[in-house]
Amino acid sequence: MTLVLTELGSLGIAMAADSAVTIVHPSTGLRHVVPNAAKKLHVVPHLSAGISCWGLGSIAGTPTDQWLSSFIASSASFTTLQGFANELARQLNAQVPTNTTGNNRLGFHLAAFENYRGTPIPSFYHIHDGPSTVSQQRCVTVNPNQFNANHDVPPQWFQQNVSVGQSYITRNGDYQLYAQLFSQLEAFFQQLQPLGIMIPFSRNLTDVAEYLVFQIRTMSEIYRLSNLVPGIGGCIHYLTINPAGIHSQGTKHF
């Protein structure tokens, strides 16, 4: 289990991911969690992009985060976000067994700014197998049995649909409880606005990243204090991107 978040807004792009890895014993089926076991969020330097992973813990016998790091190091010849995303999907289809379940097993958030009509605009690819909710909503057919480089947020779509002060967020991993909790919490935050209380009060891109870190940390603590397997946890990696490129990156330890 994991929790990775990517947010695109008028202030820029923010990404965050936990670092826990859930291990299932092959004989008993019992699960245990190793904190700080994986770096699920990486920079793609030559594209000034960020990429995070969720789902399967290994690819062709290599831990997914290490496989991703090697892929990034060998991808310098792909000079566009689309080229990088398509090559990632191609290699995943070559190295991961065909998806016969129809469920989502493994995916990657890939985000950066791309030039659109002379202006740098946020762009987001979600490379994964299984069904694509976003594609279905836009009447685009994808093959769920393979990995697809889904361009969930093209620059032109972002420009037309995301207003100043709004954002587009994608969450993956063990997100069901997270989605329910933060839907209710943010509804409560909205009720505070007539009182002059603004939560979150994001005045810059660093504030946006801090709020993503807060969300993951909150879920980590809820899992820790519950009877659930604490599948979200460990240190939290984050990065931010603005039109000039990578703005900040770091790790929060709690």
Protein backbone atom coordinates (compact mmCIF):
# COMPACT_ATOMS: atom_id res chain seq x y z
CA MET A 1 0.00 0.00 0.00
CA THR A 2 1.06 3.56 -0.48
CA LEU A 3 -0.25 7.07 -1.02
CA VAL A 4 1.02 9.33 -3.81
CA LEU A 5 -0.47 12.74 -4.58
CA THR A 6 0.04 15.08 -7.54
CA GLU A 7 -1.55 18.53 -7.68
CA LEU A 8 -1.55 20.92 -10.65
CA GLY A 9 -2.67 24.47 -10.02
CA SER A 10 -2.10 28.11 -10.88
CA LEU A 11 0.89 28.23 -8.50
CA GLY A 12 2.57 25.26 -10.20
CA ILE A 13 2.93 21.52 -9.68
CA ALA A 14 3.36 19.78 -6.31
CA MET A 15 3.94 16.08 -5.71
CA ALA A 16 4.31 13.98 -2.55
CA ALA A 17 4.64 10.30 -1.65
CA ASP A 18 5.10 8.18 1.44
CA SER A 19 7.95 5.66 1.72
CA ALA A 20 6.47 2.57 3.37
CA VAL A 21 6.48 -0.85 1.73
CA THR A 22 3.98 -3.58 2.63
CA ILE A 23 5.39 -7.11 2.47
CA VAL A 24 3.12 -10.14 2.24
CA HIS A 25 4.48 -13.45 3.55
CA PRO A 26 4.13 -15.98 0.70
CA SER A 27 3.09 -18.86 2.96
CA THR A 28 0.83 -17.27 5.53
CA GLY A 29 -0.47 -14.26 3.64
CA LEU A 30 0.25 -12.11 6.68
CA ARG A 31 1.35 -8.54 6.01
CA HIS A 32 3.94 -6.37 7.66
CA VAL A 33 5.14 -2.90 6.80
CA VAL A 34 8.69 -1.65 6.44
CA PRO A 35 8.88 2.15 6.85
CA ASN A 36 11.31 4.25 4.78
CA ALA A 37 11.89 1.30 2.46
CA ALA A 38 11.27 2.95 -0.92
CA LYS A 39 11.73 6.29 -2.62
CA LYS A 40 8.53 6.52 -4.63
CA LEU A 41 9.04 10.09 -5.91
CA HIS A 42 11.87 10.99 -8.32
CA VAL A 43 13.03 13.91 -10.43
CA VAL A 44 13.50 13.48 -14.19
CA PRO A 45 16.29 16.07 -14.56
CA HIS A 46 16.43 16.41 -18.34
CA LEU A 47 12.66 17.08 -18.50
CA SER A 48 12.41 19.15 -15.29
CA ALA A 49 9.68 16.68 -14.38
CA GLY A 50 8.59 14.68 -11.38
CA ILE A 51 7.50 11.05 -11.39
CA SER A 52 6.07 8.87 -8.62
CA CYS A 53 5.05 5.22 -8.49
CA TRP A 54 2.29 3.24 -6.81
CA GLY A 55 1.20 -0.40 -6.83
CA LEU A 56 3.37 -3.44 -7.45
CA GLY A 57 6.53 -3.46 -5.34
CA SER A 58 8.80 -4.99 -7.99
CA ILE A 59 9.30 -5.10 -11.76
CA ALA A 60 11.18 -8.02 -13.30
CA GLY A 61 12.57 -8.90 -9.88
CA THR A 62 13.80 -5.38 -9.10
CA PRO A 63 12.14 -3.12 -6.49
CA THR A 64 9.93 -0.70 -8.39
CA ASP A 65 11.62 2.45 -7.08
CA GLN A 66 15.05 1.13 -8.11
CA TRP A 67 13.73 0.06 -11.51
CA LEU A 68 12.29 3.54 -11.99
CA SER A 69 15.58 5.18 -11.03
CA SER A 70 17.40 3.08 -13.64
CA PHE A 71 14.79 3.90 -16.27
CA ILE A 72 15.20 7.63 -15.65
CA ALA A 73 18.99 7.33 -15.95
CA SER A 74 18.65 5.62 -19.33
CA SER A 75 15.95 7.91 -20.75
CA ALA A 76 17.93 11.03 -21.68
CA SER A 77 17.26 10.48 -25.39
CA PHE A 78 13.53 11.09 -24.82
CA THR A 79 13.32 14.85 -24.86
CA THR A 80 9.55 15.29 -24.53
CA LEU A 81 7.14 14.31 -21.79
CA GLN A 82 5.12 12.29 -24.30
CA GLY A 83 8.18 10.41 -25.57
CA PHE A 84 9.23 9.58 -22.02
CA ALA A 85 5.70 8.43 -21.08
CA ASN A 86 5.33 6.26 -24.19
CA GLU A 87 8.71 4.61 -23.64
CA LEU A 88 7.88 3.93 -20.01
CA ALA A 89 4.63 2.24 -21.05
CA ARG A 90 6.47 0.23 -23.71
CA GLN A 91 9.06 -1.08 -21.27
CA LEU A 92 6.43 -1.89 -18.66
CA ASN A 93 4.45 -3.90 -21.21
CA ALA A 94 7.63 -5.79 -22.09
CA GLN A 95 8.66 -6.55 -18.50
CA VAL A 96 5.42 -6.90 -16.50
CA PRO A 97 3.13 -9.89 -17.17
CA THR A 98 -0.08 -9.10 -19.04
CA ASN A 99 -2.89 -7.87 -16.85
CA THR A 100 -5.57 -10.57 -16.87
CA THR A 101 -7.53 -9.25 -13.87
CA GLY A 102 -8.76 -6.00 -15.36
CA ASN A 103 -7.72 -4.19 -12.15
CA ASN A 104 -5.14 -1.46 -11.68
CA ARG A 105 -1.87 -3.02 -10.54
CA LEU A 106 0.86 -0.45 -11.07
CA GLY A 107 1.08 3.17 -12.12
CA PHE A 108 3.21 6.29 -12.38
CA HIS A 109 2.40 10.00 -12.03
CA LEU A 110 4.47 12.07 -14.47
CA ALA A 111 4.17 15.87 -14.36
CA ALA A 112 5.99 18.89 -15.76
CA PHE A 113 5.39 22.17 -17.57
CA GLU A 114 5.05 22.03 -21.35
CA ASN A 115 4.92 24.91 -23.80
CA TYR A 116 1.44 25.50 -25.19
CA ARG A 117 1.11 28.35 -27.66
CA GLY A 118 4.26 29.91 -26.29
CA THR A 119 3.27 29.65 -22.62
CA PRO A 120 4.50 27.05 -20.07
CA ILE A 121 1.44 25.16 -18.80
CA PRO A 122 1.23 22.19 -16.37
CA SER A 123 0.91 18.79 -18.02
CA PHE A 124 0.24 15.41 -16.41
CA TYR A 125 0.54 11.82 -17.65
CA HIS A 126 -0.71 8.82 -15.69
CA ILE A 127 0.98 5.68 -16.97
CA HIS A 128 -0.79 2.59 -15.63
CA ASP A 129 -2.55 -0.65 -16.50
CA GLY A 130 -6.18 -1.45 -15.80
CA PRO A 131 -9.09 0.88 -16.51
CA SER A 132 -8.68 4.66 -16.71
CA THR A 133 -11.47 6.62 -15.05
CA VAL A 134 -10.34 9.87 -16.67
CA SER A 135 -10.29 8.30 -20.15
CA GLN A 136 -13.76 6.85 -19.62
CA GLN A 137 -15.08 10.27 -18.60
CA ARG A 138 -13.70 11.73 -21.82
CA CYS A 139 -15.00 8.83 -23.96
CA VAL A 140 -11.47 7.62 -24.75
CA THR A 141 -11.03 3.84 -24.99
CA VAL A 142 -7.90 2.23 -23.52
CA ASN A 143 -6.87 -1.42 -23.28
CA PRO A 144 -6.99 -2.32 -19.55
CA ASN A 145 -4.83 -5.39 -20.09
CA GLN A 146 -1.74 -3.31 -20.81
CA PHE A 147 0.06 -0.18 -19.64
CA ASN A 148 -1.10 3.01 -21.31
CA ALA A 149 0.45 6.47 -21.30
CA ASN A 150 -2.75 8.32 -20.43
CA HIS A 151 -2.42 12.08 -20.91
CA ASP A 152 -4.92 12.92 -18.18
CA VAL A 153 -4.16 16.63 -18.15
CA PRO A 154 -2.88 18.04 -21.47
CA PRO A 155 -1.79 21.71 -21.26
CA GLN A 156 -4.76 22.88 -23.33
CA TRP A 157 -7.19 21.04 -21.03
CA PHE A 158 -5.55 22.57 -17.96
CA GLN A 159 -5.71 26.05 -19.45
CA GLN A 160 -9.39 25.69 -20.31
CA ASN A 161 -10.61 23.91 -17.18
CA VAL A 162 -8.49 24.94 -14.18
CA SER A 163 -9.21 28.48 -13.04
CA VAL A 164 -6.98 30.67 -10.87
CA GLY A 165 -7.26 29.48 -7.28
CA GLN A 166 -8.39 26.00 -8.32
CA SER A 167 -6.35 22.85 -8.79
CA TYR A 168 -6.44 19.34 -10.24
CA ILE A 169 -5.33 16.55 -7.91
CA THR A 170 -4.66 12.87 -8.60
CA ARG A 171 -4.27 10.39 -5.76
CA ASN A 172 -3.31 6.74 -5.97
CA GLY A 173 -2.40 3.82 -3.77
CA ASP A 174 -4.51 3.11 -0.73
CA TYR A 175 -6.66 6.20 -1.25
CA GLN A 176 -10.22 5.14 -0.41
CA LEU A 177 -10.10 6.07 3.28
CA TYR A 178 -8.04 9.16 2.40
CA ALA A 179 -10.64 10.31 -0.14
CA GLN A 180 -13.52 9.96 2.32
CA LEU A 181 -11.69 11.68 5.15
CA PHE A 182 -10.41 14.67 3.20
CA SER A 183 -13.69 15.14 1.36
CA GLN A 184 -15.36 15.70 4.74
CA LEU A 185 -12.45 17.65 6.23
CA GLU A 186 -12.26 20.06 3.31
CA ALA A 187 -16.03 20.55 3.42
CA PHE A 188 -15.52 21.60 7.04
CA PHE A 189 -12.70 23.95 6.01
CA GLN A 190 -15.09 25.62 3.56
CA GLN A 191 -17.56 26.21 6.38
CA LEU A 192 -14.84 28.16 8.19
CA GLN A 193 -14.31 30.64 5.36
CA PRO A 194 -17.18 32.98 6.36
CA LEU A 195 -15.36 33.29 9.71
CA GLY A 196 -12.24 34.45 7.91
CA ILE A 197 -10.39 31.16 8.45
CA MET A 198 -8.67 29.84 5.32
CA ILE A 199 -7.37 26.25 5.38
CA PRO A 200 -5.25 25.59 3.44
CA PHE A 201 -3.88 29.12 3.03
CA SER A 202 -1.51 28.47 0.14
CA ARG A 203 0.25 31.66 -0.85
CA ASN A 204 3.07 29.97 -2.75
CA LEU A 205 4.09 26.62 -4.21
CA THR A 206 5.89 25.55 -1.04
CA ASP A 207 2.61 25.91 0.87
CA VAL A 208 0.90 23.62 -1.67
CA ALA A 209 3.54 20.93 -1.11
CA GLU A 210 3.27 21.34 2.67
CA TYR A 211 -0.46 20.66 2.47
CA LEU A 212 0.12 17.47 0.47
CA VAL A 213 2.67 16.37 3.08
CA PHE A 214 0.12 17.15 5.79
CA GLN A 215 -2.46 14.95 4.05
CA ILE A 216 -0.11 11.97 3.82
CA ARG A 217 1.12 12.45 7.37
CA THR A 218 -2.48 12.59 8.63
CA MET A 219 -3.29 9.29 6.93
CA SER A 220 -0.08 7.74 8.25
CA GLU A 221 -1.04 8.64 11.82
CA ILE A 222 -4.61 7.40 11.36
CA TYR A 223 -3.33 4.04 10.15
CA ARG A 224 -0.82 3.88 13.01
CA LEU A 225 -3.51 4.49 15.62
CA SER A 226 -6.03 2.08 14.09
CA ASN A 227 -6.36 -1.69 13.81
CA LEU A 228 -5.40 -1.48 10.13
CA VAL A 229 -2.06 -2.55 8.69
CA PRO A 230 -0.12 0.76 8.65
CA GLY A 231 0.50 0.64 4.93
CA ILE A 232 0.99 4.40 4.61
CA GLY A 233 3.97 5.73 6.52
CA GLY A 234 7.66 6.47 6.82
CA CYS A 235 9.25 9.69 5.70
CA ILE A 236 7.44 11.74 3.06
CA HIS A 237 9.18 12.86 -0.13
CA TYR A 238 7.95 15.97 -1.96
CA LEU A 239 8.87 18.17 -4.90
CA THR A 240 7.52 21.25 -6.61
CA ILE A 241 7.82 22.47 -10.21
CA ASN A 242 7.25 25.93 -11.63
CA PRO A 243 7.62 27.24 -15.21
CA ALA A 244 11.38 27.61 -14.70
CA GLY A 245 11.80 23.94 -13.73
CA ILE A 246 12.28 22.09 -10.45
CA HIS A 247 11.48 24.59 -7.71
CA SER A 248 12.12 22.52 -4.57
CA GLN A 249 12.45 18.96 -3.36
CA GLY A 250 13.04 17.33 -0.03
CA THR A 251 12.06 14.83 2.64
CA LYS A 252 9.95 15.32 5.75
CA HIS A 253 10.78 13.10 8.71
CA PHE A 254 8.28 12.66 11.52
